[in-house]
Amino acid sequence: MKKILVLLTAITLFSCNSSAEKEQNLENLDKKSAREVTLSTVTKKDTVYHLTKQIIWVNGEKIAEQTDTIITKLVENTWETDSTKVQKLNQVPIYVTVQ
């Protein structure tokens, strides 16, 4: 039983170390040719502005830039009867999908 526990611990430590080595810090990325995306949320009164700003760099030059905005209410009307479960849209998590 001890051997199995030691083996599982070693495998876990090895997998954690190997995945950490594969990660690349942002400071080390080549920024001369890249697409930079910034997501932000601005709340004004009962309105939430979800901003997506993109900048495209090629050979160190900015070739395109665009900002898109989606506007929502701070609290959307839902069928939820318990008001403590209703989330404010400036506090929902942001999920990013890269294709």
Protein backbone atom coordinates (compact mmCIF):
# COMPACT_ATOMS: atom_id res chain seq x y z
CA MET A 1 0.00 0.00 0.00
CA LYS A 2 2.86 2.37 0.84
CA LYS A 3 4.49 1.64 -2.53
CA ILE A 4 1.31 2.60 -4.39
CA LEU A 5 1.02 5.83 -2.40
CA VAL A 6 4.66 6.72 -3.09
CA LEU A 7 4.20 5.92 -6.79
CA LEU A 8 1.06 8.08 -7.07
CA THR A 9 2.80 10.95 -5.27
CA ALA A 10 5.79 10.74 -7.63
CA ILE A 11 3.54 10.70 -10.70
CA THR A 12 1.60 13.71 -9.41
CA LEU A 13 4.76 15.70 -8.69
CA PHE A 14 6.23 14.81 -12.09
CA SER A 15 3.09 15.83 -13.96
CA CYS A 16 2.89 19.14 -12.08
CA ASN A 17 6.52 19.94 -12.87
CA SER A 18 6.25 19.02 -16.55
CA SER A 19 3.11 21.13 -17.08
CA ALA A 20 4.72 24.11 -15.34
CA GLU A 21 7.67 23.91 -17.74
CA LYS A 22 5.35 24.03 -20.77
CA GLU A 23 3.76 27.32 -19.71
CA GLN A 24 5.18 30.43 -21.30
CA ASN A 25 5.20 33.75 -19.48
CA LEU A 26 3.70 36.71 -21.31
CA GLU A 27 6.95 38.62 -20.91
CA ASN A 28 8.72 36.02 -23.05
CA LEU A 29 6.25 36.07 -25.95
CA ASP A 30 7.22 37.72 -29.23
CA LYS A 31 5.14 40.88 -29.34
CA LYS A 32 6.23 41.94 -32.82
CA SER A 33 3.53 39.88 -34.52
CA ALA A 34 0.53 39.14 -32.33
CA ARG A 35 -3.13 39.81 -31.62
CA GLU A 36 -3.67 41.58 -28.31
CA VAL A 37 -7.14 41.26 -26.78
CA THR A 38 -8.34 43.16 -23.70
CA LEU A 39 -11.64 42.36 -21.99
CA SER A 40 -13.08 44.83 -19.52
CA THR A 41 -16.34 45.64 -17.78
CA VAL A 42 -17.58 49.14 -16.96
CA THR A 43 -20.67 49.73 -14.82
CA LYS A 44 -22.60 52.99 -14.91
CA LYS A 45 -25.76 53.13 -12.77
CA ASP A 46 -27.89 50.13 -13.85
CA THR A 47 -26.04 49.53 -17.15
CA VAL A 48 -23.05 47.27 -17.78
CA TYR A 49 -20.70 47.81 -20.74
CA HIS A 50 -18.75 44.68 -21.77
CA LEU A 51 -15.78 45.95 -23.80
CA THR A 52 -13.56 43.91 -26.11
CA LYS A 53 -10.54 45.73 -27.54
CA GLN A 54 -8.31 44.09 -30.15
CA ILE A 55 -5.00 45.27 -31.57
CA ILE A 56 -3.18 43.38 -34.33
CA TRP A 57 0.60 43.78 -34.56
CA VAL A 58 2.70 42.65 -37.55
CA ASN A 59 6.48 43.12 -37.58
CA GLY A 60 6.22 45.56 -34.67
CA GLU A 61 3.62 47.77 -36.38
CA LYS A 62 0.01 48.20 -35.35
CA ILE A 63 -2.04 47.37 -38.45
CA ALA A 64 -5.57 47.22 -36.98
CA GLU A 65 -7.43 48.19 -33.84
CA GLN A 66 -11.11 47.80 -32.93
CA THR A 67 -13.26 48.05 -29.83
CA ASP A 68 -16.64 46.32 -29.54
CA THR A 69 -19.20 46.94 -26.80
CA ILE A 70 -22.11 44.84 -25.60
CA ILE A 71 -24.56 46.69 -23.35
CA THR A 72 -26.69 44.89 -20.75
CA LYS A 73 -28.69 45.74 -17.66
CA LEU A 74 -26.90 45.29 -14.34
CA VAL A 75 -29.52 42.71 -13.28
CA GLU A 76 -31.47 40.85 -15.95
CA ASN A 77 -35.05 39.75 -15.39
CA THR A 78 -35.16 35.98 -14.99
CA TRP A 79 -37.57 33.37 -13.71
CA GLU A 80 -35.47 32.95 -10.55
CA THR A 81 -37.70 33.57 -7.52
CA ASP A 82 -34.88 33.84 -4.99
CA SER A 83 -33.38 37.32 -5.41
CA THR A 84 -30.18 36.30 -3.56
CA LYS A 85 -29.33 33.88 -6.41
CA VAL A 86 -29.61 36.51 -9.14
CA GLN A 87 -26.14 37.54 -10.33
CA LYS A 88 -25.16 41.03 -11.30
CA LEU A 89 -23.71 41.05 -14.80
CA ASN A 90 -20.65 43.04 -13.75
CA GLN A 91 -19.65 40.15 -11.47
CA VAL A 92 -20.07 37.14 -13.76
CA PRO A 93 -16.88 35.27 -14.68
CA ILE A 94 -15.23 35.78 -18.07
CA TYR A 95 -14.51 32.67 -20.14
CA VAL A 96 -12.22 32.97 -23.14
CA THR A 97 -12.17 30.56 -26.06
CA VAL A 98 -9.22 30.72 -28.47
CA GLN A 99 -9.62 29.09 -31.88
